Amino acid sequence: MTRYQAVKRVMDVVGSAAGLVVLSPVMGATALAVWGSMGRPVFFTQERPGLHGEPFRLIKFRTMKPPRPGSDGIGEDEARITRVGRWLRSTSLDELPTLWNVLRGDMSLVGPRPLLMRYLERYTPEQARRHEVRPGVTGKAQVSGRNAISWEEKFALDVWYVENCTLWTDVSILVATVSKVVRRDGISQEGHVTMPEFMGTEEPPISPAA
């Protein structure tokens, strides 16, 4: 473990523990809002890829109704999200329980966002480099457009972070995140609750030798 990684882990533990304590009243009120509008369970958990693509259980506040019987819910976000759920996403309050994932070591405060397991086989080798670091609660892509930019732009920013991560970079991203959350920038792409599903990037054809 490098000195940067050791200090980053200390920052993650201290920051997530402090956040869980200080924000506990907010989390309690949010849990009541979810329970009152959607019932139980209050939390949403899902397997996501972590460091080196190893799966872990992500925990967030629930923002959607369950899928219809016999459906996996894919492509039904607009119909399933509730009014309270939409507000939680716009304020990022649904993300507060992920601080527990940070405390456990599944995630970091800063890093590429953990996406879906089924995306792993759709990444190009370059895009897959985003898993060379722990996923984060926030990251370079989140402060550079969030869901208003394309998947390809997001992944390029994720790889940029992998190649340029320092404590100063992490601190600057955390500060920028506060501003983004307050202004509610880039919450979704037009016509989507967040973004359309990532189906893969078409590799450019190899030009024949002259």
N, C-alpha and C. Protein backbone atom coordinates (compact mmCIF):
# COMPACT_ATOMS: atom_id res chain seq x y z
N MET A 1 0.85 -1.20 0.00
CA MET A 1 0.00 0.00 0.00
C MET A 1 0.89 1.25 0.00
N THR A 2 0.61 2.17 -0.92
CA THR A 2 1.39 3.40 -0.99
C THR A 2 0.97 4.35 0.13
N ARG A 3 1.79 5.37 0.34
CA ARG A 3 1.45 6.37 1.36
C ARG A 3 0.12 7.05 1.03
N TYR A 4 -0.08 7.35 -0.26
CA TYR A 4 -1.35 7.97 -0.67
C TYR A 4 -2.53 7.07 -0.33
N GLN A 5 -2.42 5.79 -0.63
CA GLN A 5 -3.51 4.86 -0.35
C GLN A 5 -3.79 4.75 1.14
N ALA A 6 -2.74 4.75 1.94
CA ALA A 6 -2.91 4.65 3.40
C ALA A 6 -3.61 5.88 3.95
N VAL A 7 -3.16 7.07 3.51
CA VAL A 7 -3.78 8.31 3.99
C VAL A 7 -5.22 8.41 3.48
N LYS A 8 -5.44 7.99 2.25
CA LYS A 8 -6.79 8.03 1.68
C LYS A 8 -7.74 7.14 2.49
N ARG A 9 -7.25 5.96 2.89
CA ARG A 9 -8.09 5.06 3.67
C ARG A 9 -8.42 5.67 5.03
N VAL A 10 -7.45 6.30 5.66
CA VAL A 10 -7.71 6.98 6.93
C VAL A 10 -8.77 8.07 6.73
N MET A 11 -8.62 8.84 5.65
CA MET A 11 -9.59 9.89 5.35
C MET A 11 -10.99 9.30 5.12
N ASP A 12 -11.05 8.15 4.46
CA ASP A 12 -12.33 7.49 4.21
C ASP A 12 -12.99 7.06 5.52
N VAL A 13 -12.21 6.44 6.40
CA VAL A 13 -12.75 5.94 7.66
C VAL A 13 -13.24 7.09 8.54
N VAL A 14 -12.39 8.10 8.69
CA VAL A 14 -12.75 9.25 9.53
C VAL A 14 -13.94 10.00 8.93
N GLY A 15 -13.90 10.23 7.62
CA GLY A 15 -14.97 10.98 6.97
C GLY A 15 -16.30 10.26 6.99
N SER A 16 -16.29 8.96 6.71
CA SER A 16 -17.55 8.21 6.69
C SER A 16 -18.12 8.03 8.09
N ALA A 17 -17.25 7.78 9.07
CA ALA A 17 -17.73 7.62 10.45
C ALA A 17 -18.33 8.93 10.96
N ALA A 18 -17.64 10.04 10.70
CA ALA A 18 -18.15 11.34 11.12
C ALA A 18 -19.47 11.65 10.40
N GLY A 19 -19.52 11.33 9.12
CA GLY A 19 -20.74 11.58 8.36
C GLY A 19 -21.92 10.79 8.88
N LEU A 20 -21.70 9.52 9.22
CA LEU A 20 -22.78 8.68 9.73
C LEU A 20 -23.31 9.22 11.06
N VAL A 21 -22.40 9.75 11.90
CA VAL A 21 -22.82 10.29 13.19
C VAL A 21 -23.55 11.63 13.01
N VAL A 22 -22.90 12.56 12.30
CA VAL A 22 -23.46 13.90 12.15
C VAL A 22 -24.77 13.88 11.37
N LEU A 23 -24.84 13.03 10.37
CA LEU A 23 -26.03 13.00 9.50
C LEU A 23 -27.09 12.00 9.95
N SER A 24 -26.90 11.38 11.11
CA SER A 24 -27.86 10.38 11.58
C SER A 24 -29.29 10.94 11.71
N PRO A 25 -29.49 12.20 12.19
CA PRO A 25 -30.86 12.72 12.22
C PRO A 25 -31.47 12.85 10.82
N VAL A 26 -30.65 13.28 9.85
CA VAL A 26 -31.13 13.40 8.47
C VAL A 26 -31.46 12.03 7.90
N MET A 27 -30.62 11.05 8.19
CA MET A 27 -30.86 9.70 7.71
C MET A 27 -32.11 9.11 8.35
N GLY A 28 -32.32 9.42 9.62
CA GLY A 28 -33.53 8.94 10.29
C GLY A 28 -34.78 9.53 9.67
N ALA A 29 -34.76 10.84 9.40
CA ALA A 29 -35.90 11.50 8.77
C ALA A 29 -36.14 10.96 7.36
N THR A 30 -35.04 10.70 6.64
CA THR A 30 -35.16 10.16 5.29
C THR A 30 -35.76 8.76 5.32
N ALA A 31 -35.33 7.95 6.27
CA ALA A 31 -35.87 6.59 6.41
C ALA A 31 -37.38 6.65 6.67
N LEU A 32 -37.81 7.58 7.52
CA LEU A 32 -39.24 7.73 7.79
C LEU A 32 -40.00 8.16 6.55
N ALA A 33 -39.40 9.05 5.75
CA ALA A 33 -40.05 9.50 4.51
C ALA A 33 -40.21 8.34 3.52
N VAL A 34 -39.19 7.51 3.42
CA VAL A 34 -39.26 6.36 2.52
C VAL A 34 -40.30 5.37 3.02
N TRP A 35 -40.27 5.08 4.30
CA TRP A 35 -41.23 4.13 4.89
C TRP A 35 -42.67 4.64 4.74
N GLY A 36 -42.87 5.95 4.96
CA GLY A 36 -44.21 6.50 4.86
C GLY A 36 -44.76 6.53 3.44
N SER A 37 -43.87 6.65 2.44
CA SER A 37 -44.33 6.76 1.05
C SER A 37 -44.30 5.44 0.30
N MET A 38 -43.41 4.53 0.70
CA MET A 38 -43.27 3.27 -0.04
C MET A 38 -43.36 2.03 0.83
N GLY A 39 -43.37 2.21 2.14
CA GLY A 39 -43.36 1.04 3.02
C GLY A 39 -41.98 0.43 3.12
N ARG A 40 -41.93 -0.80 3.54
CA ARG A 40 -40.66 -1.49 3.69
C ARG A 40 -40.37 -2.34 2.47
N PRO A 41 -39.06 -2.59 2.19
CA PRO A 41 -37.88 -2.17 2.94
C PRO A 41 -37.52 -0.71 2.69
N VAL A 42 -36.87 -0.12 3.64
CA VAL A 42 -36.44 1.28 3.51
C VAL A 42 -35.18 1.37 2.65
N PHE A 43 -34.33 0.35 2.75
CA PHE A 43 -33.06 0.37 2.03
C PHE A 43 -33.13 -0.45 0.74
N PHE A 44 -32.35 -0.01 -0.23
CA PHE A 44 -32.16 -0.74 -1.48
C PHE A 44 -30.74 -1.28 -1.48
N THR A 45 -30.59 -2.57 -1.68
CA THR A 45 -29.26 -3.16 -1.76
C THR A 45 -29.11 -3.88 -3.09
N GLN A 46 -27.92 -3.84 -3.64
CA GLN A 46 -27.67 -4.47 -4.93
C GLN A 46 -26.19 -4.79 -5.05
N GLU A 47 -25.90 -5.90 -5.69
CA GLU A 47 -24.50 -6.27 -5.92
C GLU A 47 -23.91 -5.37 -6.98
N ARG A 48 -22.77 -4.76 -6.67
CA ARG A 48 -22.07 -3.88 -7.60
C ARG A 48 -20.60 -4.28 -7.64
N PRO A 49 -19.90 -3.95 -8.74
CA PRO A 49 -18.47 -4.27 -8.82
C PRO A 49 -17.62 -3.25 -8.07
N GLY A 50 -16.70 -3.75 -7.25
CA GLY A 50 -15.81 -2.88 -6.51
C GLY A 50 -14.41 -2.91 -7.08
N LEU A 51 -13.41 -2.82 -6.22
CA LEU A 51 -12.02 -2.84 -6.64
C LEU A 51 -11.73 -4.12 -7.41
N HIS A 52 -11.12 -3.97 -8.60
CA HIS A 52 -10.81 -5.10 -9.50
C HIS A 52 -12.06 -5.86 -9.94
N GLY A 53 -13.22 -5.19 -9.85
CA GLY A 53 -14.46 -5.81 -10.29
C GLY A 53 -15.07 -6.79 -9.31
N GLU A 54 -14.47 -6.92 -8.11
CA GLU A 54 -15.01 -7.85 -7.11
C GLU A 54 -16.34 -7.33 -6.57
N PRO A 55 -17.37 -8.16 -6.50
CA PRO A 55 -18.70 -7.69 -6.10
C PRO A 55 -18.81 -7.38 -4.60
N PHE A 56 -19.64 -6.39 -4.30
CA PHE A 56 -20.00 -6.08 -2.92
C PHE A 56 -21.47 -5.65 -2.92
N ARG A 57 -22.07 -5.55 -1.73
CA ARG A 57 -23.48 -5.15 -1.62
C ARG A 57 -23.58 -3.65 -1.36
N LEU A 58 -24.01 -2.90 -2.35
CA LEU A 58 -24.22 -1.46 -2.20
C LEU A 58 -25.52 -1.22 -1.44
N ILE A 59 -25.53 -0.25 -0.54
CA ILE A 59 -26.74 0.09 0.20
C ILE A 59 -27.10 1.56 -0.01
N LYS A 60 -28.37 1.80 -0.34
CA LYS A 60 -28.88 3.16 -0.54
C LYS A 60 -30.30 3.20 0.01
N PHE A 61 -30.86 4.40 0.13
CA PHE A 61 -32.28 4.50 0.44
C PHE A 61 -33.08 4.14 -0.81
N ARG A 62 -34.17 3.46 -0.62
CA ARG A 62 -35.00 3.04 -1.75
C ARG A 62 -35.72 4.25 -2.35
N THR A 63 -35.76 4.32 -3.67
CA THR A 63 -36.42 5.43 -4.35
C THR A 63 -37.51 4.95 -5.32
N MET A 64 -37.63 3.63 -5.49
CA MET A 64 -38.57 3.09 -6.47
C MET A 64 -39.49 2.04 -5.87
N LYS A 65 -40.64 1.89 -6.48
CA LYS A 65 -41.52 0.78 -6.15
C LYS A 65 -40.94 -0.51 -6.71
N PRO A 66 -41.33 -1.67 -6.16
CA PRO A 66 -40.80 -2.93 -6.70
C PRO A 66 -41.25 -3.13 -8.16
N PRO A 67 -40.47 -3.91 -8.93
CA PRO A 67 -40.88 -4.20 -10.31
C PRO A 67 -42.21 -4.95 -10.34
N ARG A 68 -42.87 -4.88 -11.48
CA ARG A 68 -44.09 -5.63 -11.67
C ARG A 68 -43.79 -7.13 -11.56
N PRO A 69 -44.75 -7.95 -11.08
CA PRO A 69 -44.53 -9.40 -11.00
C PRO A 69 -44.09 -9.96 -12.36
N GLY A 70 -43.02 -10.73 -12.34
CA GLY A 70 -42.51 -11.31 -13.58
C GLY A 70 -41.58 -10.43 -14.36
N SER A 71 -41.32 -9.21 -13.85
CA SER A 71 -40.44 -8.28 -14.54
C SER A 71 -39.19 -8.06 -13.72
N ASP A 72 -38.04 -7.81 -14.42
CA ASP A 72 -36.79 -7.51 -13.70
C ASP A 72 -36.62 -6.02 -13.47
N GLY A 73 -37.57 -5.21 -13.96
CA GLY A 73 -37.54 -3.77 -13.72
C GLY A 73 -36.67 -2.98 -14.67
N ILE A 74 -35.93 -3.66 -15.56
CA ILE A 74 -35.05 -2.96 -16.50
C ILE A 74 -35.89 -2.12 -17.46
N GLY A 75 -35.56 -0.85 -17.58
CA GLY A 75 -36.27 0.04 -18.49
C GLY A 75 -37.56 0.59 -17.93
N GLU A 76 -37.84 0.35 -16.64
CA GLU A 76 -39.10 0.80 -16.04
C GLU A 76 -38.90 1.87 -14.98
N ASP A 77 -37.72 2.48 -14.95
CA ASP A 77 -37.40 3.45 -13.89
C ASP A 77 -38.42 4.57 -13.80
N GLU A 78 -38.81 5.13 -14.94
CA GLU A 78 -39.72 6.28 -14.95
C GLU A 78 -41.05 5.93 -14.31
N ALA A 79 -41.54 4.71 -14.54
CA ALA A 79 -42.82 4.29 -13.99
C ALA A 79 -42.71 3.91 -12.52
N ARG A 80 -41.54 3.46 -12.09
CA ARG A 80 -41.38 2.94 -10.73
C ARG A 80 -40.95 3.98 -9.71
N ILE A 81 -40.27 5.05 -10.14
CA ILE A 81 -39.78 6.03 -9.18
C ILE A 81 -40.94 6.82 -8.58
N THR A 82 -40.88 7.08 -7.29
CA THR A 82 -41.94 7.81 -6.61
C THR A 82 -41.58 9.29 -6.50
N ARG A 83 -42.54 10.09 -6.07
CA ARG A 83 -42.27 11.52 -5.91
C ARG A 83 -41.19 11.74 -4.86
N VAL A 84 -41.30 11.02 -3.74
CA VAL A 84 -40.28 11.12 -2.70
C VAL A 84 -38.95 10.62 -3.22
N GLY A 85 -38.97 9.52 -3.97
CA GLY A 85 -37.75 8.97 -4.53
C GLY A 85 -37.06 9.94 -5.47
N ARG A 86 -37.84 10.63 -6.29
CA ARG A 86 -37.27 11.60 -7.23
C ARG A 86 -36.58 12.73 -6.46
N TRP A 87 -37.23 13.16 -5.36
CA TRP A 87 -36.66 14.24 -4.55
C TRP A 87 -35.37 13.77 -3.86
N LEU A 88 -35.38 12.53 -3.36
CA LEU A 88 -34.18 12.00 -2.71
C LEU A 88 -33.01 11.95 -3.69
N ARG A 89 -33.28 11.57 -4.94
CA ARG A 89 -32.21 11.51 -5.93
C ARG A 89 -31.71 12.91 -6.29
N SER A 90 -32.64 13.86 -6.39
CA SER A 90 -32.23 15.21 -6.78
C SER A 90 -31.38 15.87 -5.71
N THR A 91 -31.58 15.48 -4.45
CA THR A 91 -30.80 16.04 -3.34
C THR A 91 -29.64 15.14 -2.93
N SER A 92 -29.55 13.96 -3.56
CA SER A 92 -28.51 12.95 -3.26
C SER A 92 -28.65 12.36 -1.85
N LEU A 93 -29.79 12.57 -1.20
CA LEU A 93 -30.00 11.98 0.12
C LEU A 93 -30.08 10.45 0.06
N ASP A 94 -30.47 9.92 -1.09
CA ASP A 94 -30.54 8.45 -1.22
C ASP A 94 -29.16 7.81 -1.10
N GLU A 95 -28.10 8.61 -1.29
CA GLU A 95 -26.74 8.08 -1.26
C GLU A 95 -26.14 8.00 0.14
N LEU A 96 -26.78 8.60 1.13
CA LEU A 96 -26.17 8.67 2.46
C LEU A 96 -25.79 7.31 3.05
N PRO A 97 -26.61 6.26 2.89
CA PRO A 97 -26.20 4.97 3.46
C PRO A 97 -24.93 4.38 2.86
N THR A 98 -24.49 4.88 1.69
CA THR A 98 -23.25 4.35 1.11
C THR A 98 -22.04 4.71 1.96
N LEU A 99 -22.22 5.64 2.90
CA LEU A 99 -21.13 5.92 3.84
C LEU A 99 -20.75 4.67 4.63
N TRP A 100 -21.73 3.78 4.83
CA TRP A 100 -21.45 2.52 5.50
C TRP A 100 -20.54 1.64 4.64
N ASN A 101 -20.78 1.67 3.31
CA ASN A 101 -19.91 0.95 2.40
C ASN A 101 -18.47 1.48 2.44
N VAL A 102 -18.35 2.80 2.61
CA VAL A 102 -17.02 3.42 2.72
C VAL A 102 -16.34 2.96 4.00
N LEU A 103 -17.08 2.98 5.10
CA LEU A 103 -16.52 2.58 6.39
C LEU A 103 -16.06 1.12 6.35
N ARG A 104 -16.81 0.27 5.67
CA ARG A 104 -16.47 -1.15 5.55
C ARG A 104 -15.27 -1.40 4.64
N GLY A 105 -14.97 -0.44 3.76
CA GLY A 105 -13.87 -0.63 2.83
C GLY A 105 -14.29 -1.09 1.46
N ASP A 106 -15.61 -1.20 1.22
CA ASP A 106 -16.10 -1.56 -0.11
C ASP A 106 -15.88 -0.42 -1.09
N MET A 107 -15.99 0.81 -0.59
CA MET A 107 -15.93 2.00 -1.41
C MET A 107 -14.99 3.02 -0.77
N SER A 108 -14.77 4.11 -1.50
CA SER A 108 -14.02 5.25 -1.00
C SER A 108 -14.94 6.47 -1.09
N LEU A 109 -14.58 7.55 -0.42
CA LEU A 109 -15.36 8.77 -0.57
C LEU A 109 -15.27 9.28 -2.00
N VAL A 110 -14.09 9.12 -2.63
CA VAL A 110 -13.87 9.60 -4.00
C VAL A 110 -13.38 8.46 -4.87
N GLY A 111 -13.99 8.32 -6.04
CA GLY A 111 -13.60 7.29 -7.00
C GLY A 111 -14.68 7.14 -8.05
N PRO A 112 -14.48 6.33 -9.05
CA PRO A 112 -15.51 6.10 -10.06
C PRO A 112 -16.76 5.49 -9.41
N ARG A 113 -17.93 5.92 -9.84
CA ARG A 113 -19.17 5.40 -9.26
C ARG A 113 -19.32 3.90 -9.55
N PRO A 114 -19.79 3.11 -8.58
CA PRO A 114 -20.02 1.69 -8.83
C PRO A 114 -21.28 1.50 -9.67
N LEU A 115 -21.15 0.90 -10.82
CA LEU A 115 -22.29 0.74 -11.72
C LEU A 115 -22.85 -0.69 -11.61
N LEU A 116 -23.38 -1.23 -12.67
CA LEU A 116 -24.03 -2.54 -12.60
C LEU A 116 -23.07 -3.66 -12.97
N MET A 117 -23.27 -4.82 -12.37
CA MET A 117 -22.42 -5.96 -12.64
C MET A 117 -22.45 -6.33 -14.12
N ARG A 118 -23.61 -6.19 -14.75
CA ARG A 118 -23.71 -6.62 -16.15
C ARG A 118 -22.93 -5.70 -17.10
N TYR A 119 -22.50 -4.55 -16.61
CA TYR A 119 -21.71 -3.67 -17.46
C TYR A 119 -20.27 -4.17 -17.63
N LEU A 120 -19.79 -5.03 -16.73
CA LEU A 120 -18.40 -5.45 -16.75
C LEU A 120 -17.98 -6.00 -18.10
N GLU A 121 -18.84 -6.80 -18.70
CA GLU A 121 -18.49 -7.42 -19.98
C GLU A 121 -18.67 -6.47 -21.17
N ARG A 122 -19.20 -5.27 -20.91
CA ARG A 122 -19.45 -4.32 -21.98
C ARG A 122 -18.36 -3.25 -22.09
N TYR A 123 -17.48 -3.16 -21.10
CA TYR A 123 -16.43 -2.15 -21.14
C TYR A 123 -15.35 -2.50 -22.16
N THR A 124 -14.75 -1.47 -22.74
CA THR A 124 -13.52 -1.68 -23.49
C THR A 124 -12.41 -1.88 -22.46
N PRO A 125 -11.26 -2.42 -22.86
CA PRO A 125 -10.16 -2.58 -21.90
C PRO A 125 -9.78 -1.26 -21.22
N GLU A 126 -9.84 -0.15 -21.97
CA GLU A 126 -9.52 1.15 -21.38
C GLU A 126 -10.57 1.55 -20.35
N GLN A 127 -11.85 1.39 -20.68
CA GLN A 127 -12.92 1.74 -19.75
C GLN A 127 -12.86 0.88 -18.48
N ALA A 128 -12.45 -0.38 -18.63
CA ALA A 128 -12.40 -1.30 -17.49
C ALA A 128 -11.35 -0.87 -16.46
N ARG A 129 -10.46 0.04 -16.83
CA ARG A 129 -9.44 0.51 -15.89
C ARG A 129 -10.06 1.27 -14.72
N ARG A 130 -11.32 1.69 -14.84
CA ARG A 130 -11.99 2.38 -13.75
C ARG A 130 -12.05 1.51 -12.49
N HIS A 131 -11.87 0.21 -12.65
CA HIS A 131 -11.91 -0.70 -11.50
C HIS A 131 -10.54 -0.94 -10.88
N GLU A 132 -9.56 -0.16 -11.30
CA GLU A 132 -8.23 -0.27 -10.68
C GLU A 132 -8.17 0.43 -9.33
N VAL A 133 -9.21 1.19 -8.99
CA VAL A 133 -9.32 1.85 -7.69
C VAL A 133 -10.68 1.51 -7.10
N ARG A 134 -10.83 1.76 -5.80
CA ARG A 134 -12.14 1.53 -5.17
C ARG A 134 -13.17 2.49 -5.77
N PRO A 135 -14.41 2.04 -5.94
CA PRO A 135 -15.46 2.96 -6.39
C PRO A 135 -15.74 4.00 -5.32
N GLY A 136 -16.31 5.13 -5.73
CA GLY A 136 -16.51 6.22 -4.79
C GLY A 136 -17.96 6.68 -4.67
N VAL A 137 -18.23 7.38 -3.57
CA VAL A 137 -19.52 8.03 -3.39
C VAL A 137 -19.66 9.16 -4.41
N THR A 138 -18.56 9.83 -4.68
CA THR A 138 -18.52 10.87 -5.71
C THR A 138 -17.21 10.70 -6.48
N GLY A 139 -17.12 11.36 -7.62
CA GLY A 139 -15.91 11.20 -8.43
C GLY A 139 -15.77 12.33 -9.44
N LYS A 140 -14.74 12.21 -10.25
CA LYS A 140 -14.46 13.23 -11.26
C LYS A 140 -15.62 13.39 -12.23
N ALA A 141 -16.24 12.30 -12.63
CA ALA A 141 -17.37 12.39 -13.56
C ALA A 141 -18.57 13.08 -12.92
N GLN A 142 -18.76 12.88 -11.61
CA GLN A 142 -19.91 13.47 -10.92
C GLN A 142 -19.79 14.99 -10.81
N VAL A 143 -18.58 15.52 -10.77
CA VAL A 143 -18.42 16.97 -10.67
C VAL A 143 -18.13 17.60 -12.03
N SER A 144 -18.17 16.77 -13.08
CA SER A 144 -17.89 17.26 -14.44
C SER A 144 -19.06 17.04 -15.38
N GLY A 145 -20.26 16.95 -14.80
CA GLY A 145 -21.43 16.77 -15.64
C GLY A 145 -22.42 15.75 -15.14
N ARG A 146 -21.96 14.85 -14.26
CA ARG A 146 -22.81 13.83 -13.66
C ARG A 146 -23.55 13.05 -14.75
N ASN A 147 -24.87 13.05 -14.74
CA ASN A 147 -25.62 12.27 -15.72
C ASN A 147 -25.97 13.05 -16.98
N ALA A 148 -25.48 14.28 -17.09
CA ALA A 148 -25.76 15.09 -18.29
C ALA A 148 -24.73 14.85 -19.39
N ILE A 149 -23.68 14.07 -19.09
CA ILE A 149 -22.67 13.76 -20.10
C ILE A 149 -22.83 12.31 -20.55
N SER A 150 -22.17 11.95 -21.64
CA SER A 150 -22.32 10.60 -22.19
C SER A 150 -21.55 9.58 -21.36
N TRP A 151 -21.89 8.30 -21.56
CA TRP A 151 -21.17 7.24 -20.87
C TRP A 151 -19.68 7.31 -21.21
N GLU A 152 -19.37 7.50 -22.49
CA GLU A 152 -17.98 7.53 -22.91
C GLU A 152 -17.20 8.66 -22.23
N GLU A 153 -17.86 9.82 -22.07
CA GLU A 153 -17.21 10.93 -21.37
C GLU A 153 -17.00 10.59 -19.90
N LYS A 154 -18.00 9.94 -19.31
CA LYS A 154 -17.87 9.54 -17.90
C LYS A 154 -16.69 8.60 -17.70
N PHE A 155 -16.59 7.60 -18.56
CA PHE A 155 -15.55 6.61 -18.39
C PHE A 155 -14.17 7.21 -18.64
N ALA A 156 -14.08 8.14 -19.58
CA ALA A 156 -12.81 8.82 -19.82
C ALA A 156 -12.38 9.60 -18.57
N LEU A 157 -13.34 10.23 -17.89
CA LEU A 157 -13.03 10.97 -16.66
C LEU A 157 -12.65 10.00 -15.54
N ASP A 158 -13.30 8.83 -15.50
CA ASP A 158 -12.95 7.82 -14.49
C ASP A 158 -11.50 7.37 -14.67
N VAL A 159 -11.12 7.11 -15.91
CA VAL A 159 -9.76 6.66 -16.18
C VAL A 159 -8.76 7.79 -15.89
N TRP A 160 -9.17 9.04 -16.19
CA TRP A 160 -8.32 10.18 -15.84
C TRP A 160 -8.05 10.19 -14.35
N TYR A 161 -9.09 9.91 -13.55
CA TYR A 161 -8.91 9.89 -12.09
C TYR A 161 -7.95 8.78 -11.68
N VAL A 162 -8.10 7.61 -12.27
CA VAL A 162 -7.22 6.49 -11.95
C VAL A 162 -5.76 6.88 -12.17
N GLU A 163 -5.51 7.63 -13.23
CA GLU A 163 -4.13 8.00 -13.59
C GLU A 163 -3.63 9.22 -12.84
N ASN A 164 -4.52 9.99 -12.23
CA ASN A 164 -4.11 11.27 -11.63
C ASN A 164 -4.56 11.45 -10.18
N CYS A 165 -4.99 10.39 -9.53
CA CYS A 165 -5.54 10.55 -8.18
C CYS A 165 -4.44 10.92 -7.18
N THR A 166 -4.69 11.96 -6.43
CA THR A 166 -3.84 12.44 -5.34
C THR A 166 -4.77 12.91 -4.24
N LEU A 167 -4.22 13.19 -3.08
CA LEU A 167 -5.05 13.71 -1.99
C LEU A 167 -5.65 15.06 -2.37
N TRP A 168 -4.89 15.89 -3.07
CA TRP A 168 -5.40 17.19 -3.50
C TRP A 168 -6.56 17.01 -4.48
N THR A 169 -6.43 16.05 -5.39
CA THR A 169 -7.53 15.77 -6.33
C THR A 169 -8.77 15.33 -5.56
N ASP A 170 -8.60 14.45 -4.59
CA ASP A 170 -9.74 13.97 -3.80
C ASP A 170 -10.43 15.11 -3.06
N VAL A 171 -9.63 15.95 -2.42
CA VAL A 171 -10.21 17.07 -1.66
C VAL A 171 -10.95 18.02 -2.60
N SER A 172 -10.36 18.32 -3.75
CA SER A 172 -11.01 19.24 -4.69
C SER A 172 -12.32 18.66 -5.22
N ILE A 173 -12.37 17.35 -5.44
CA ILE A 173 -13.61 16.71 -5.90
C ILE A 173 -14.68 16.75 -4.81
N LEU A 174 -14.28 16.51 -3.57
CA LEU A 174 -15.24 16.57 -2.46
C LEU A 174 -15.83 17.97 -2.32
N VAL A 175 -14.99 18.99 -2.43
CA VAL A 175 -15.47 20.38 -2.33
C VAL A 175 -16.41 20.69 -3.49
N ALA A 176 -16.04 20.28 -4.71
CA ALA A 176 -16.88 20.54 -5.88
C ALA A 176 -18.21 19.79 -5.78
N THR A 177 -18.19 18.62 -5.13
CA THR A 177 -19.43 17.83 -4.98
C THR A 177 -20.47 18.59 -4.17
N VAL A 178 -20.03 19.25 -3.12
CA VAL A 178 -20.96 20.02 -2.29
C VAL A 178 -21.70 21.05 -3.14
N SER A 179 -20.97 21.76 -3.99
CA SER A 179 -21.57 22.76 -4.87
C SER A 179 -22.55 22.12 -5.85
N LYS A 180 -22.17 20.97 -6.41
CA LYS A 180 -23.03 20.28 -7.38
C LYS A 180 -24.33 19.82 -6.72
N VAL A 181 -24.23 19.30 -5.51
CA VAL A 181 -25.42 18.82 -4.81
C VAL A 181 -26.36 19.96 -4.48
N VAL A 182 -25.80 21.07 -4.01
CA VAL A 182 -26.61 22.23 -3.66
C VAL A 182 -27.34 22.77 -4.89
N ARG A 183 -26.64 22.81 -6.03
CA ARG A 183 -27.24 23.34 -7.26
C ARG A 183 -28.05 22.31 -8.02
N ARG A 184 -27.92 21.02 -7.61
CA ARG A 184 -28.63 19.90 -8.25
C ARG A 184 -28.34 19.83 -9.74
N ASP A 185 -27.08 19.98 -10.09
CA ASP A 185 -26.67 19.94 -11.49
C ASP A 185 -26.57 18.51 -12.01
N GLY A 186 -26.95 18.32 -13.29
CA GLY A 186 -26.70 17.07 -13.99
C GLY A 186 -27.36 15.86 -13.39
N ILE A 187 -28.54 16.01 -12.80
CA ILE A 187 -29.20 14.89 -12.14
C ILE A 187 -29.57 13.79 -13.12
N SER A 188 -30.02 14.17 -14.32
CA SER A 188 -30.45 13.16 -15.29
C SER A 188 -30.29 13.68 -16.70
N GLN A 189 -30.30 12.73 -17.65
CA GLN A 189 -30.38 13.10 -19.05
C GLN A 189 -31.84 13.27 -19.42
N GLU A 190 -32.12 14.10 -20.40
CA GLU A 190 -33.49 14.38 -20.80
C GLU A 190 -34.21 13.10 -21.17
N GLY A 191 -35.39 12.91 -20.59
CA GLY A 191 -36.19 11.74 -20.89
C GLY A 191 -35.86 10.51 -20.06
N HIS A 192 -34.94 10.65 -19.07
CA HIS A 192 -34.53 9.51 -18.25
C HIS A 192 -34.51 9.93 -16.78
N VAL A 193 -34.74 8.94 -15.89
CA VAL A 193 -34.64 9.20 -14.46
C VAL A 193 -33.20 9.56 -14.11
N THR A 194 -32.25 8.82 -14.67
CA THR A 194 -30.82 9.15 -14.51
C THR A 194 -30.17 9.15 -15.90
N MET A 195 -29.85 7.94 -16.40
CA MET A 195 -29.25 7.80 -17.74
C MET A 195 -29.79 6.53 -18.39
N PRO A 196 -29.74 6.47 -19.73
CA PRO A 196 -30.09 5.21 -20.38
C PRO A 196 -29.06 4.14 -20.03
N GLU A 197 -29.44 2.88 -20.17
CA GLU A 197 -28.52 1.80 -19.85
C GLU A 197 -27.31 1.83 -20.78
N PHE A 198 -26.14 1.53 -20.20
CA PHE A 198 -24.92 1.44 -21.02
C PHE A 198 -24.90 0.10 -21.73
N MET A 199 -24.87 0.13 -23.05
CA MET A 199 -24.91 -1.10 -23.85
C MET A 199 -23.56 -1.44 -24.46
N GLY A 200 -22.55 -0.63 -24.19
CA GLY A 200 -21.22 -0.89 -24.73
C GLY A 200 -20.82 0.19 -25.70
N THR A 201 -19.52 0.32 -25.89
CA THR A 201 -18.97 1.29 -26.83
C THR A 201 -18.43 0.57 -28.05
N GLU A 202 -18.88 0.99 -29.20
CA GLU A 202 -18.41 0.36 -30.43
C GLU A 202 -16.97 0.75 -30.67
N GLU A 203 -16.12 -0.25 -30.79
CA GLU A 203 -14.70 0.01 -31.03
C GLU A 203 -14.52 0.54 -32.44
N PRO A 204 -13.67 1.57 -32.65
CA PRO A 204 -13.43 2.09 -34.00
C PRO A 204 -12.75 1.02 -34.86
N PRO A 205 -13.11 0.92 -36.12
CA PRO A 205 -12.49 -0.08 -36.99
C PRO A 205 -11.00 0.17 -37.16
N ILE A 206 -10.25 -0.90 -37.30
CA ILE A 206 -8.81 -0.80 -37.52
C ILE A 206 -8.55 -0.51 -38.99
N SER A 207 -7.85 0.57 -39.27
CA SER A 207 -7.58 0.94 -40.65
C SER A 207 -6.58 -0.03 -41.26
N PRO A 208 -6.83 -0.49 -42.47
CA PRO A 208 -5.88 -1.40 -43.11
C PRO A 208 -4.56 -0.69 -43.39
N ALA A 209 -3.51 -1.44 -43.36
CA ALA A 209 -2.18 -0.86 -43.62
C ALA A 209 -2.12 -0.33 -45.04
N ALA A 210 -1.47 0.83 -45.21
CA ALA A 210 -1.38 1.43 -46.53
C ALA A 210 -0.46 0.59 -47.41
